[in-house]
């Protein structure tokens, strides 16, 4: 992380934004103490296709053993 004094950050804001967008976090300091950070924004998430998710799960076999029974069995068999 790069530390930049506030006065310098004011003068070079466009450059700092470009560097942050490229993935380099920038920390702005005032009198040597950190006061702000500039980071890149994560990529937006894709919306979930509900129909595709339902089609995927519809083809999965039903589990006959409950989750609680499965955990108990694994615990009792010392396989965790």
PDB file of N, CA and C in Angstrom:
ATOM      1  N   UNK A   1       0.860  -1.169   0.000  1.00  0.00           N
ATOM      2  CA  UNK A   1       0.000   0.000   0.000  1.00  0.00           C
ATOM      3  C   UNK A   1       0.904   1.229   0.000  1.00  0.00           C
ATOM      4  N   UNK A   2       0.549   2.203  -0.806  1.00  0.00           N
ATOM      5  CA  UNK A   2       1.336   3.416  -0.928  1.00  0.00           C
ATOM      6  C   UNK A   2       0.730   4.519  -0.065  1.00  0.00           C
ATOM      7  N   UNK A   3       1.567   5.179   0.727  1.00  0.00           N
ATOM      8  CA  UNK A   3       1.124   6.322   1.533  1.00  0.00           C
ATOM      9  C   UNK A   3       1.416   7.616   0.781  1.00  0.00           C
ATOM     10  N   UNK A   4       0.403   8.473   0.674  1.00  0.00           N
ATOM     11  CA  UNK A   4       0.530   9.759  -0.021  1.00  0.00           C
ATOM     12  C   UNK A   4       0.002  10.845   0.910  1.00  0.00           C
ATOM     13  N   UNK A   5       0.778  11.931   1.122  1.00  0.00           N
ATOM     14  CA  UNK A   5       0.272  13.048   1.925  1.00  0.00           C
ATOM     15  C   UNK A   5      -0.933  13.707   1.235  1.00  0.00           C
ATOM     16  N   UNK A   6      -1.821  14.263   2.021  1.00  0.00           N
ATOM     17  CA  UNK A   6      -3.053  14.858   1.510  1.00  0.00           C
ATOM     18  C   UNK A   6      -2.788  15.927   0.460  1.00  0.00           C
ATOM     19  N   UNK A   7      -1.833  16.819   0.700  1.00  0.00           N
ATOM     20  CA  UNK A   7      -1.553  17.890  -0.261  1.00  0.00           C
ATOM     21  C   UNK A   7      -1.119  17.310  -1.602  1.00  0.00           C
ATOM     22  N   UNK A   8      -0.308  16.279  -1.568  1.00  0.00           N
ATOM     23  CA  UNK A   8       0.143  15.636  -2.806  1.00  0.00           C
ATOM     24  C   UNK A   8      -1.014  14.906  -3.481  1.00  0.00           C
ATOM     25  N   UNK A   9      -1.879  14.285  -2.692  1.00  0.00           N
ATOM     26  CA  UNK A   9      -3.034  13.572  -3.245  1.00  0.00           C
ATOM     27  C   UNK A   9      -3.968  14.530  -3.971  1.00  0.00           C
ATOM     28  N   UNK A  10      -4.138  15.738  -3.442  1.00  0.00           N
ATOM     29  CA  UNK A  10      -4.980  16.733  -4.107  1.00  0.00           C
ATOM     30  C   UNK A  10      -4.432  17.067  -5.482  1.00  0.00           C
ATOM     31  N   UNK A  11      -3.122  17.203  -5.568  1.00  0.00           N
ATOM     32  CA  UNK A  11      -2.494  17.589  -6.826  1.00  0.00           C
ATOM     33  C   UNK A  11      -2.466  16.447  -7.838  1.00  0.00           C
ATOM     34  N   UNK A  12      -2.460  15.196  -7.371  1.00  0.00           N
ATOM     35  CA  UNK A  12      -2.300  14.045  -8.259  1.00  0.00           C
ATOM     36  C   UNK A  12      -3.492  13.098  -8.216  1.00  0.00           C
ATOM     37  N   UNK A  13      -4.683  13.609  -7.957  1.00  0.00           N
ATOM     38  CA  UNK A  13      -5.845  12.753  -7.760  1.00  0.00           C
ATOM     39  C   UNK A  13      -6.123  11.855  -8.965  1.00  0.00           C
ATOM     40  N   UNK A  14      -6.070  12.403 -10.173  1.00  0.00           N
ATOM     41  CA  UNK A  14      -6.361  11.581 -11.363  1.00  0.00           C
ATOM     42  C   UNK A  14      -5.384  10.412 -11.471  1.00  0.00           C
ATOM     43  N   UNK A  15      -4.124  10.673 -11.238  1.00  0.00           N
ATOM     44  CA  UNK A  15      -3.111   9.612 -11.296  1.00  0.00           C
ATOM     45  C   UNK A  15      -3.374   8.561 -10.217  1.00  0.00           C
ATOM     46  N   UNK A  16      -3.726   9.002  -9.009  1.00  0.00           N
ATOM     47  CA  UNK A  16      -3.988   8.065  -7.915  1.00  0.00           C
ATOM     48  C   UNK A  16      -5.210   7.199  -8.195  1.00  0.00           C
ATOM     49  N   UNK A  17      -6.217   7.791  -8.797  1.00  0.00           N
ATOM     50  CA  UNK A  17      -7.425   7.031  -9.155  1.00  0.00           C
ATOM     51  C   UNK A  17      -7.075   5.957 -10.186  1.00  0.00           C
ATOM     52  N   UNK A  18      -6.251   6.300 -11.157  1.00  0.00           N
ATOM     53  CA  UNK A  18      -5.829   5.341 -12.169  1.00  0.00           C
ATOM     54  C   UNK A  18      -5.054   4.190 -11.539  1.00  0.00           C
ATOM     55  N   UNK A  19      -4.151   4.512 -10.640  1.00  0.00           N
ATOM     56  CA  UNK A  19      -3.376   3.479  -9.968  1.00  0.00           C
ATOM     57  C   UNK A  19      -4.264   2.583  -9.106  1.00  0.00           C
ATOM     58  N   UNK A  20      -5.225   3.188  -8.411  1.00  0.00           N
ATOM     59  CA  UNK A  20      -6.141   2.409  -7.573  1.00  0.00           C
ATOM     60  C   UNK A  20      -7.014   1.500  -8.433  1.00  0.00           C
ATOM     61  N   UNK A  21      -7.469   2.014  -9.568  1.00  0.00           N
ATOM     62  CA  UNK A  21      -8.302   1.203 -10.463  1.00  0.00           C
ATOM     63  C   UNK A  21      -7.522   0.007 -10.997  1.00  0.00           C
ATOM     64  N   UNK A  22      -6.191   0.151 -11.102  1.00  0.00           N
ATOM     65  CA  UNK A  22      -5.346  -0.944 -11.568  1.00  0.00           C
ATOM     66  C   UNK A  22      -5.067  -1.961 -10.464  1.00  0.00           C
ATOM     67  N   UNK A  23      -5.541  -1.689  -9.245  1.00  0.00           N
ATOM     68  CA  UNK A  23      -5.400  -2.643  -8.159  1.00  0.00           C
ATOM     69  C   UNK A  23      -4.434  -2.246  -7.056  1.00  0.00           C
ATOM     70  N   UNK A  24      -3.808  -1.082  -7.173  1.00  0.00           N
ATOM     71  CA  UNK A  24      -2.870  -0.638  -6.137  1.00  0.00           C
ATOM     72  C   UNK A  24      -3.608   0.197  -5.097  1.00  0.00           C
ATOM     73  N   UNK A  25      -3.725  -0.270  -3.868  1.00  0.00           N
ATOM     74  CA  UNK A  25      -4.402   0.540  -2.849  1.00  0.00           C
ATOM     75  C   UNK A  25      -3.541   1.742  -2.459  1.00  0.00           C
ATOM     76  N   UNK A  26      -4.183   2.885  -2.285  1.00  0.00           N
ATOM     77  CA  UNK A  26      -3.505   4.133  -1.943  1.00  0.00           C
ATOM     78  C   UNK A  26      -4.041   4.595  -0.587  1.00  0.00           C
ATOM     79  N   UNK A  27      -3.148   4.920   0.341  1.00  0.00           N
ATOM     80  CA  UNK A  27      -3.546   5.435   1.649  1.00  0.00           C
ATOM     81  C   UNK A  27      -3.156   6.914   1.711  1.00  0.00           C
ATOM     82  N   UNK A  28      -4.121   7.762   2.028  1.00  0.00           N
ATOM     83  CA  UNK A  28      -3.890   9.207   2.136  1.00  0.00           C
ATOM     84  C   UNK A  28      -3.655   9.537   3.605  1.00  0.00           C
ATOM     85  N   UNK A  29      -2.596  10.304   3.841  1.00  0.00           N
ATOM     86  CA  UNK A  29      -2.231  10.648   5.217  1.00  0.00           C
ATOM     87  C   UNK A  29      -2.323  12.149   5.437  1.00  0.00           C
ATOM     88  N   UNK A  30      -2.600  12.508   6.682  1.00  0.00           N
ATOM     89  CA  UNK A  30      -2.584  13.909   7.105  1.00  0.00           C
ATOM     90  C   UNK A  30      -1.673  13.969   8.320  1.00  0.00           C
ATOM     91  N   UNK A  31      -0.611  14.754   8.192  1.00  0.00           N
ATOM     92  CA  UNK A  31       0.403  14.860   9.246  1.00  0.00           C
ATOM     93  C   UNK A  31       0.951  13.482   9.642  1.00  0.00           C
ATOM     94  N   UNK A  32       1.127  12.626   8.644  1.00  0.00           N
ATOM     95  CA  UNK A  32       1.715  11.320   8.872  1.00  0.00           C
ATOM     96  C   UNK A  32       0.768  10.237   9.351  1.00  0.00           C
ATOM     97  N   UNK A  33      -0.495  10.588   9.614  1.00  0.00           N
ATOM     98  CA  UNK A  33      -1.469   9.604  10.095  1.00  0.00           C
ATOM     99  C   UNK A  33      -2.466   9.270   8.986  1.00  0.00           C
ATOM    100  N   UNK A  34      -2.756   7.997   8.780  1.00  0.00           N
ATOM    101  CA  UNK A  34      -3.704   7.617   7.727  1.00  0.00           C
ATOM    102  C   UNK A  34      -5.107   8.157   8.013  1.00  0.00           C
ATOM    103  N   UNK A  35      -5.722   8.745   6.977  1.00  0.00           N
ATOM    104  CA  UNK A  35      -7.078   9.278   7.125  1.00  0.00           C
ATOM    105  C   UNK A  35      -8.054   8.720   6.090  1.00  0.00           C
ATOM    106  N   UNK A  36      -7.544   8.176   4.977  1.00  0.00           N
ATOM    107  CA  UNK A  36      -8.435   7.658   3.933  1.00  0.00           C
ATOM    108  C   UNK A  36      -7.684   6.664   3.073  1.00  0.00           C
ATOM    109  N   UNK A  37      -8.448   5.835   2.370  1.00  0.00           N
ATOM    110  CA  UNK A  37      -7.874   4.890   1.424  1.00  0.00           C
ATOM    111  C   UNK A  37      -8.641   4.965   0.119  1.00  0.00           C
ATOM    112  N   UNK A  38      -7.903   4.781  -0.972  1.00  0.00           N
ATOM    113  CA  UNK A  38      -8.518   4.682  -2.302  1.00  0.00           C
ATOM    114  C   UNK A  38      -8.245   3.264  -2.780  1.00  0.00           C
ATOM    115  N   UNK A  39      -9.313   2.516  -3.075  1.00  0.00           N
ATOM    116  CA  UNK A  39      -9.205   1.141  -3.567  1.00  0.00           C
ATOM    117  C   UNK A  39     -10.054   0.991  -4.810  1.00  0.00           C
ATOM    118  N   UNK A  40      -9.762  -0.033  -5.596  1.00  0.00           N
ATOM    119  CA  UNK A  40     -10.586  -0.292  -6.775  1.00  0.00           C
ATOM    120  C   UNK A  40     -11.923  -0.897  -6.334  1.00  0.00           C
ATOM    121  N   UNK A  41     -12.921  -0.669  -7.110  1.00  0.00           N
ATOM    122  CA  UNK A  41     -14.243  -1.228  -6.856  1.00  0.00           C
ATOM    123  C   UNK A  41     -14.296  -2.585  -7.525  1.00  0.00           C
ATOM    124  N   UNK A  42     -14.823  -3.581  -6.826  1.00  0.00           N
ATOM    125  CA  UNK A  42     -14.915  -4.922  -7.390  1.00  0.00           C
ATOM    126  C   UNK A  42     -15.825  -4.963  -8.600  1.00  0.00           C
ATOM    127  N   UNK A  43     -15.629  -5.977  -9.415  1.00  0.00           N
ATOM    128  CA  UNK A  43     -16.467  -6.142 -10.607  1.00  0.00           C
ATOM    129  C   UNK A  43     -17.904  -6.419 -10.184  1.00  0.00           C
ATOM    130  N   UNK A  44     -18.864  -5.885 -10.906  1.00  0.00           N
ATOM    131  CA  UNK A  44     -20.266  -6.155 -10.552  1.00  0.00           C
ATOM    132  C   UNK A  44     -20.589  -7.632 -10.735  1.00  0.00           C
ATOM    133  N   UNK A  45     -21.426  -8.141  -9.868  1.00  0.00           N
ATOM    134  CA  UNK A  45     -21.812  -9.545  -9.935  1.00  0.00           C
ATOM    135  C   UNK A  45     -22.833  -9.773 -11.031  1.00  0.00           C
ATOM    136  N   UNK A  46     -22.764 -10.975 -11.607  1.00  0.00           N
ATOM    137  CA  UNK A  46     -23.757 -11.344 -12.610  1.00  0.00           C
ATOM    138  C   UNK A  46     -25.050 -11.706 -11.891  1.00  0.00           C
ATOM    139  N   UNK A  47     -26.189 -11.387 -12.467  1.00  0.00           N
ATOM    140  CA  UNK A  47     -27.448 -11.800 -11.832  1.00  0.00           C
ATOM    141  C   UNK A  47     -27.585 -13.326 -11.903  1.00  0.00           C
ATOM    142  N   UNK A  48     -28.243 -13.894 -10.921  1.00  0.00           N
ATOM    143  CA  UNK A  48     -28.433 -15.341 -10.862  1.00  0.00           C
ATOM    144  C   UNK A  48     -29.593 -15.725 -11.771  1.00  0.00           C
ATOM    145  N   UNK A  49     -29.364 -16.700 -12.625  1.00  0.00           N
ATOM    146  CA  UNK A  49     -30.405 -17.220 -13.501  1.00  0.00           C
ATOM    147  C   UNK A  49     -31.168 -18.288 -12.721  1.00  0.00           C
ATOM    148  N   UNK A  50     -32.322 -17.916 -12.193  1.00  0.00           N
ATOM    149  CA  UNK A  50     -33.109 -18.809 -11.341  1.00  0.00           C
ATOM    150  C   UNK A  50     -33.531 -20.069 -12.094  1.00  0.00           C
ATOM    151  N   UNK A  51     -33.912 -19.921 -13.360  1.00  0.00           N
ATOM    152  CA  UNK A  51     -34.361 -21.084 -14.133  1.00  0.00           C
ATOM    153  C   UNK A  51     -33.221 -22.089 -14.298  1.00  0.00           C
ATOM    154  N   UNK A  52     -32.019 -21.608 -14.562  1.00  0.00           N
ATOM    155  CA  UNK A  52     -30.870 -22.502 -14.716  1.00  0.00           C
ATOM    156  C   UNK A  52     -30.539 -23.181 -13.393  1.00  0.00           C
ATOM    157  N   UNK A  53     -30.658 -22.450 -12.286  1.00  0.00           N
ATOM    158  CA  UNK A  53     -30.390 -23.022 -10.973  1.00  0.00           C
ATOM    159  C   UNK A  53     -31.409 -24.108 -10.636  1.00  0.00           C
ATOM    160  N   UNK A  54     -32.672 -23.850 -10.933  1.00  0.00           N
ATOM    161  CA  UNK A  54     -33.713 -24.858 -10.681  1.00  0.00           C
ATOM    162  C   UNK A  54     -33.505 -26.087 -11.549  1.00  0.00           C
ATOM    163  N   UNK A  55     -33.091 -25.882 -12.810  1.00  0.00           N
ATOM    164  CA  UNK A  55     -32.843 -27.020 -13.700  1.00  0.00           C
ATOM    165  C   UNK A  55     -31.670 -27.849 -13.185  1.00  0.00           C
ATOM    166  N   UNK A  56     -30.651 -27.189 -12.670  1.00  0.00           N
ATOM    167  CA  UNK A  56     -29.495 -27.896 -12.128  1.00  0.00           C
ATOM    168  C   UNK A  56     -29.872 -28.722 -10.907  1.00  0.00           C
ATOM    169  N   UNK A  57     -30.599 -28.123  -9.988  1.00  0.00           N
ATOM    170  CA  UNK A  57     -30.955 -28.832  -8.760  1.00  0.00           C
ATOM    171  C   UNK A  57     -32.023 -29.904  -8.998  1.00  0.00           C
ATOM    172  N   UNK A  58     -32.844 -29.750 -10.021  1.00  0.00           N
ATOM    173  CA  UNK A  58     -33.877 -30.753 -10.300  1.00  0.00           C
ATOM    174  C   UNK A  58     -33.245 -32.082 -10.707  1.00  0.00           C
ATOM    175  N   UNK A  59     -32.076 -32.032 -11.324  1.00  0.00           N
ATOM    176  CA  UNK A  59     -31.421 -33.253 -11.759  1.00  0.00           C
ATOM    177  C   UNK A  59     -30.600 -33.932 -10.678  1.00  0.00           C
ATOM    178  N   UNK A  60     -30.474 -33.326  -9.524  1.00  0.00           N
ATOM    179  CA  UNK A  60     -29.685 -33.907  -8.440  1.00  0.00           C
ATOM    180  C   UNK A  60     -30.504 -34.959  -7.696  1.00  0.00           C
ATOM    181  N   UNK A  61     -29.857 -36.067  -7.303  1.00  0.00           N
ATOM    182  CA  UNK A  61     -30.593 -37.098  -6.563  1.00  0.00           C
ATOM    183  C   UNK A  61     -30.911 -36.622  -5.144  1.00  0.00           C
ATOM    184  N   UNK A  62     -32.013 -37.097  -4.627  1.00  0.00           N
ATOM    185  CA  UNK A  62     -32.428 -36.750  -3.288  1.00  0.00           C
ATOM    186  C   UNK A  62     -31.582 -37.527  -2.286  1.00  0.00           C
ATOM    187  N   UNK A  63     -31.129 -36.881  -1.250  1.00  0.00           N
ATOM    188  CA  UNK A  63     -30.323 -37.530  -0.215  1.00  0.00           C
ATOM    189  C   UNK A  63     -31.272 -38.158   0.805  1.00  0.00           C
ATOM    190  N   UNK A  64     -31.157 -39.449   0.966  1.00  0.00           N
ATOM    191  CA  UNK A  64     -32.065 -40.148   1.864  1.00  0.00           C
ATOM    192  C   UNK A  64     -31.685 -39.966   3.325  1.00  0.00           C
ATOM    193  N   UNK A  65     -30.413 -39.679   3.601  1.00  0.00           N
ATOM    194  CA  UNK A  65     -29.941 -39.496   4.970  1.00  0.00           C
ATOM    195  C   UNK A  65     -29.970 -37.996   5.302  1.00  0.00           C
ATOM    196  N   UNK A  66     -30.548 -37.642   6.438  1.00  0.00           N
ATOM    197  CA  UNK A  66     -30.599 -36.222   6.814  1.00  0.00           C
ATOM    198  C   UNK A  66     -29.200 -35.721   7.143  1.00  0.00           C
ATOM    199  N   UNK A  67     -29.011 -34.426   7.098  1.00  0.00           N
ATOM    200  CA  UNK A  67     -27.705 -33.831   7.388  1.00  0.00           C
ATOM    201  C   UNK A  67     -27.278 -34.151   8.821  1.00  0.00           C
ATOM    202  N   UNK A  68     -28.205 -34.093   9.748  1.00  0.00           N
ATOM    203  CA  UNK A  68     -27.887 -34.398  11.139  1.00  0.00           C
ATOM    204  C   UNK A  68     -27.421 -35.831  11.322  1.00  0.00           C
ATOM    205  N   UNK A  69     -28.121 -36.757  10.662  1.00  0.00           N
ATOM    206  CA  UNK A  69     -27.720 -38.165  10.746  1.00  0.00           C
ATOM    207  C   UNK A  69     -26.359 -38.381  10.097  1.00  0.00           C
ATOM    208  N   UNK A  70     -26.115 -37.697   8.993  1.00  0.00           N
ATOM    209  CA  UNK A  70     -24.833 -37.820   8.303  1.00  0.00           C
ATOM    210  C   UNK A  70     -23.682 -37.350   9.194  1.00  0.00           C
ATOM    211  N   UNK A  71     -23.864 -36.196   9.850  1.00  0.00           N
ATOM    212  CA  UNK A  71     -22.815 -35.660  10.733  1.00  0.00           C
ATOM    213  C   UNK A  71     -22.600 -36.597  11.916  1.00  0.00           C
ATOM    214  N   UNK A  72     -23.687 -37.100  12.500  1.00  0.00           N
ATOM    215  CA  UNK A  72     -23.547 -38.044  13.612  1.00  0.00           C
ATOM    216  C   UNK A  72     -22.786 -39.298  13.194  1.00  0.00           C
ATOM    217  N   UNK A  73     -23.132 -39.817  12.020  1.00  0.00           N
ATOM    218  CA  UNK A  73     -22.464 -41.020  11.519  1.00  0.00           C
ATOM    219  C   UNK A  73     -20.982 -40.753  11.291  1.00  0.00           C
ATOM    220  N   UNK A  74     -20.659 -39.618  10.690  1.00  0.00           N
ATOM    221  CA  UNK A  74     -19.252 -39.274  10.453  1.00  0.00           C
ATOM    222  C   UNK A  74     -18.510 -39.108  11.781  1.00  0.00           C
ATOM    223  N   UNK A  75     -19.150 -38.489  12.744  1.00  0.00           N
ATOM    224  CA  UNK A  75     -18.533 -38.305  14.046  1.00  0.00           C
ATOM    225  C   UNK A  75     -18.303 -39.638  14.738  1.00  0.00           C
ATOM    226  N   UNK A  76     -19.307 -40.502  14.701  1.00  0.00           N
ATOM    227  CA  UNK A  76     -19.212 -41.789  15.366  1.00  0.00           C
ATOM    228  C   UNK A  76     -18.190 -42.704  14.706  1.00  0.00           C
ATOM    229  N   UNK A  77     -17.978 -42.528  13.408  1.00  0.00           N
ATOM    230  CA  UNK A  77     -17.005 -43.349  12.700  1.00  0.00           C
ATOM    231  C   UNK A  77     -15.605 -42.740  12.708  1.00  0.00           C
ATOM    232  N   UNK A  78     -15.417 -41.619  13.417  1.00  0.00           N
ATOM    233  CA  UNK A  78     -14.122 -40.938  13.488  1.00  0.00           C
ATOM    234  C   UNK A  78     -13.573 -40.588  12.106  1.00  0.00           C
ATOM    235  N   UNK A  79     -14.410 -40.043  11.240  1.00  0.00           N
ATOM    236  CA  UNK A  79     -13.952 -39.704   9.893  1.00  0.00           C
ATOM    237  C   UNK A  79     -14.054 -38.212   9.629  1.00  0.00           C
ATOM    238  N   UNK A  80     -14.035 -37.403  10.617  1.00  0.00           N
ATOM    239  CA  UNK A  80     -14.144 -35.966  10.393  1.00  0.00           C
ATOM    240  C   UNK A  80     -12.802 -35.316  10.445  1.00  0.00           C
TER     241      UNK A  80
END
